[in-house]
């Protein structure tokens, strides 16, 4: 994974009836017909497919990520319960393939929230009223926000700063660009030493292969 320290990027507001869209489930993020691959690339074409595509297969110009000013967005602003539904890891894969590496919402489904950290995406929880404010500002003429993971802040184009909480372990892994396996491998020498000592202390235990 790429290290995540500070992100200065375009924020796209995912809206529904004038409010950040709530209960965005994983089937909405990446429909089931795009789940046949185990590759993490090429999934951006299926991201929000039913929202961004008309019945005739053409792009819907009203969908936020189809609009030129948001085409390269790296931050997504949404409503409550983002990532609910099935536990498909293709959802964060598709977002990452699109270039989105930070999602700001009041709350996230637990499994999706965990999967984000495993795939280099920072999920930022902020209060509903703050998310509404951020979405409104992202819909203006300046869409560039700053997300500072080390300082745990989101700064708007107007210069307002909002603080967020993040688990210290997950924070350090994102800053280092490590998933759970990568984090475990940083202790490879200690693991090898433990296994050597265990083999010497209990030689009658034969590893099962």
Protein backbone atom coordinates (compact mmCIF):
# COMPACT_ATOMS: atom_id res chain seq x y z
CA UNK A 1 0.00 0.00 0.00
CA UNK A 2 1.04 3.59 -0.51
CA UNK A 3 1.72 5.50 2.72
CA UNK A 4 -1.02 7.94 3.69
CA UNK A 5 0.17 11.05 5.51
CA UNK A 6 -1.55 14.08 3.98
CA UNK A 7 -4.00 14.26 1.10
CA UNK A 8 -4.74 17.47 -0.78
CA UNK A 9 -7.40 16.59 -3.31
CA UNK A 10 -10.76 17.18 -4.89
CA UNK A 11 -13.72 16.19 -2.71
CA UNK A 12 -16.83 14.85 -4.44
CA UNK A 13 -20.14 15.17 -2.56
CA UNK A 14 -22.32 12.08 -3.02
CA UNK A 15 -25.77 13.62 -2.65
CA UNK A 16 -29.41 12.56 -2.50
CA UNK A 17 -32.19 15.17 -2.34
CA UNK A 18 -29.79 17.87 -1.20
CA UNK A 19 -28.19 15.82 1.60
CA UNK A 20 -25.14 13.55 1.71
CA UNK A 21 -26.38 10.11 0.62
CA UNK A 22 -27.00 7.69 3.51
CA UNK A 23 -27.06 3.87 3.57
CA UNK A 24 -24.83 3.51 0.53
CA UNK A 25 -24.46 -0.28 0.45
CA UNK A 26 -21.68 -2.32 -1.12
CA UNK A 27 -23.94 -3.44 -3.97
CA UNK A 28 -24.44 0.21 -4.84
CA UNK A 29 -20.68 0.80 -4.63
CA UNK A 30 -19.85 -2.20 -6.84
CA UNK A 31 -22.73 -4.33 -8.23
CA UNK A 32 -22.52 -8.12 -8.13
CA UNK A 33 -21.78 -8.52 -11.87
CA UNK A 34 -18.35 -6.98 -11.29
CA UNK A 35 -17.32 -9.44 -8.58
CA UNK A 36 -16.02 -12.19 -10.86
CA UNK A 37 -12.42 -11.04 -10.68
CA UNK A 38 -9.90 -11.29 -7.86
CA UNK A 39 -7.79 -8.52 -9.40
CA UNK A 40 -7.83 -5.12 -7.74
CA UNK A 41 -7.49 -3.19 -10.97
CA UNK A 42 -10.12 -2.40 -13.59
CA UNK A 43 -12.93 -2.18 -11.03
CA UNK A 44 -13.44 1.57 -11.38
CA UNK A 45 -15.68 0.87 -14.38
CA UNK A 46 -18.17 -0.80 -12.03
CA UNK A 47 -17.96 1.80 -9.25
CA UNK A 48 -21.46 3.23 -8.59
CA UNK A 49 -22.45 1.67 -11.91
CA UNK A 50 -26.21 1.95 -11.40
CA UNK A 51 -25.90 5.56 -10.27
CA UNK A 52 -23.59 6.75 -13.02
CA UNK A 53 -25.09 4.82 -15.94
CA UNK A 54 -28.37 5.35 -17.77
CA UNK A 55 -30.61 2.50 -18.91
CA UNK A 56 -29.13 2.72 -22.42
CA UNK A 57 -25.61 2.29 -21.06
CA UNK A 58 -24.54 5.91 -21.49
CA UNK A 59 -23.08 8.01 -18.71
CA UNK A 60 -25.47 10.05 -16.61
CA UNK A 61 -24.01 13.60 -16.61
CA UNK A 62 -25.84 14.37 -13.37
CA UNK A 63 -23.84 11.82 -11.36
CA UNK A 64 -21.11 13.57 -9.42
CA UNK A 65 -18.13 11.47 -10.59
CA UNK A 66 -19.18 11.92 -14.22
CA UNK A 67 -18.85 15.69 -13.88
CA UNK A 68 -15.50 17.03 -15.14
CA UNK A 69 -14.66 18.91 -11.93
CA UNK A 70 -14.98 15.71 -9.87
CA UNK A 71 -13.62 13.16 -12.35
CA UNK A 72 -10.31 12.90 -10.47
CA UNK A 73 -11.73 13.20 -6.96
CA UNK A 74 -9.67 11.51 -4.25
CA UNK A 75 -12.08 12.31 -1.40
CA UNK A 76 -15.72 11.26 -1.17
CA UNK A 77 -18.22 12.89 1.19
CA UNK A 78 -21.31 10.83 2.06
CA UNK A 79 -23.97 10.29 4.72
CA UNK A 80 -24.60 7.83 7.53
CA UNK A 81 -23.91 4.09 7.36
CA UNK A 82 -21.63 4.14 4.32
CA UNK A 83 -20.60 0.67 3.10
CA UNK A 84 -23.47 -1.29 4.62
CA UNK A 85 -24.69 -4.56 3.09
CA UNK A 86 -22.55 -7.53 2.11
CA UNK A 87 -18.91 -7.74 3.14
CA UNK A 88 -17.43 -7.65 -0.38
CA UNK A 89 -13.86 -6.35 -0.37
CA UNK A 90 -14.34 -5.37 -4.01
CA UNK A 91 -16.05 -2.21 -2.68
CA UNK A 92 -12.86 -0.58 -1.32
CA UNK A 93 -10.93 -2.05 -4.27
CA UNK A 94 -13.24 -0.22 -6.70
CA UNK A 95 -12.99 3.04 -4.77
CA UNK A 96 -9.19 2.80 -4.67
CA UNK A 97 -9.07 1.96 -8.39
CA UNK A 98 -11.05 5.14 -9.03
CA UNK A 99 -8.44 7.06 -7.03
CA UNK A 100 -10.55 7.66 -3.93
CA UNK A 101 -8.36 7.24 -0.85
CA UNK A 102 -10.45 9.04 1.77
CA UNK A 103 -14.16 8.82 2.59
CA UNK A 104 -15.77 11.29 4.99
CA UNK A 105 -19.08 10.24 6.54
CA UNK A 106 -20.85 10.30 9.92
CA UNK A 107 -20.66 6.50 10.23
CA UNK A 108 -19.52 3.38 8.39
CA UNK A 109 -20.55 -0.26 8.38
CA UNK A 110 -18.00 -2.15 10.51
CA UNK A 111 -16.73 -4.62 7.90
CA UNK A 112 -16.39 -1.96 5.22
CA UNK A 113 -14.65 0.31 7.73
CA UNK A 114 -12.11 -2.44 8.50
CA UNK A 115 -11.62 -3.25 4.80
CA UNK A 116 -10.79 0.39 4.06
CA UNK A 117 -7.72 0.27 6.29
CA UNK A 118 -6.61 -2.98 4.67
CA UNK A 119 -6.64 -1.26 1.28
CA UNK A 120 -5.04 2.10 2.01
CA UNK A 121 -8.28 4.10 2.33
CA UNK A 122 -8.83 6.43 5.27
CA UNK A 123 -12.44 6.45 6.55
CA UNK A 124 -13.04 9.69 8.46
CA UNK A 125 -15.98 9.95 10.85
CA UNK A 126 -17.38 13.45 11.37
CA UNK A 127 -20.77 14.58 12.75
CA UNK A 128 -23.78 14.72 10.43
CA UNK A 129 -23.94 18.51 10.46
CA UNK A 130 -20.23 18.76 9.64
CA UNK A 131 -20.57 16.32 6.73
CA UNK A 132 -23.48 18.37 5.40
CA UNK A 133 -21.35 21.51 5.65
CA UNK A 134 -18.41 19.85 3.89
CA UNK A 135 -20.65 18.49 1.13
CA UNK A 136 -22.14 21.93 0.54
CA UNK A 137 -18.69 23.48 0.30
CA UNK A 138 -17.46 20.71 -2.00
CA UNK A 139 -20.37 21.58 -4.29
CA UNK A 140 -19.08 25.13 -4.67
CA UNK A 141 -16.42 26.55 -6.96
CA UNK A 142 -13.44 25.26 -4.95
CA UNK A 143 -13.39 21.51 -4.32
CA UNK A 144 -9.88 21.01 -2.89
CA UNK A 145 -9.80 19.76 0.70
CA UNK A 146 -6.82 18.76 2.84
CA UNK A 147 -6.86 15.63 5.00
CA UNK A 148 -3.94 15.42 7.40
CA UNK A 149 -3.73 11.98 8.99
CA UNK A 150 -0.79 12.84 11.22
CA UNK A 151 -2.63 15.87 12.62
CA UNK A 152 -6.03 14.15 12.33
CA UNK A 153 -7.68 17.15 10.66
CA UNK A 154 -9.81 17.96 7.63
CA UNK A 155 -9.37 21.47 6.22
CA UNK A 156 -11.96 22.93 3.85
CA UNK A 157 -11.27 25.23 0.89
CA UNK A 158 -12.47 28.11 3.09
CA UNK A 159 -9.87 27.24 5.73
CA UNK A 160 -12.14 25.69 8.38
CA UNK A 161 -10.49 22.86 10.28
CA UNK A 162 -12.28 19.84 11.72
CA UNK A 163 -10.61 17.20 13.89
CA UNK A 164 -11.33 13.48 13.71
CA UNK A 165 -10.43 10.42 15.76
CA UNK A 166 -8.58 7.37 14.46
CA UNK A 167 -7.26 4.21 16.10
CA UNK A 168 -3.52 4.72 16.81
CA UNK A 169 -2.53 1.33 15.42
CA UNK A 170 -4.43 1.81 12.19
CA UNK A 171 -3.09 5.34 11.91
CA UNK A 172 0.52 4.19 12.17
CA UNK A 173 -0.08 1.39 9.65
CA UNK A 174 -1.60 3.79 7.10
CA UNK A 175 1.24 6.28 7.56
CA UNK A 176 3.74 3.45 7.02
CA UNK A 177 1.75 2.00 4.10
CA UNK A 178 1.23 -1.34 5.84
CA UNK A 179 -1.73 -3.69 5.83
CA UNK A 180 -2.16 -6.29 8.59
CA UNK A 181 0.21 -8.77 6.93
CA UNK A 182 2.80 -6.08 6.30
CA UNK A 183 2.57 -4.94 9.91
CA UNK A 184 3.10 -8.53 11.10
CA UNK A 185 6.16 -8.92 8.88
CA UNK A 186 7.85 -5.98 10.58
CA UNK A 187 8.27 -8.39 13.51
CA UNK A 188 9.63 -11.19 11.30
CA UNK A 189 12.90 -11.48 13.25
CA UNK A 190 11.07 -11.80 16.57
CA UNK A 191 8.68 -14.37 15.08
CA UNK A 192 11.59 -16.45 13.74
CA UNK A 193 13.36 -16.26 17.11
CA UNK A 194 10.22 -17.40 18.94
CA UNK A 195 9.75 -20.33 16.55
CA UNK A 196 13.38 -21.40 16.96
CA UNK A 197 13.08 -21.30 20.75
CA UNK A 198 9.80 -23.21 20.63
CA UNK A 199 11.32 -25.95 18.47
CA UNK A 200 14.21 -26.32 20.92
CA UNK A 201 11.91 -26.36 23.97
CA UNK A 202 9.36 -28.78 22.47
CA UNK A 203 11.20 -30.95 19.88
CA UNK A 204 8.46 -33.60 20.07
CA UNK A 205 5.98 -31.23 18.40
CA UNK A 206 6.14 -31.84 14.67
CA UNK A 207 4.74 -29.02 12.48
CA UNK A 208 1.81 -30.07 10.32
CA UNK A 209 2.26 -29.24 6.63
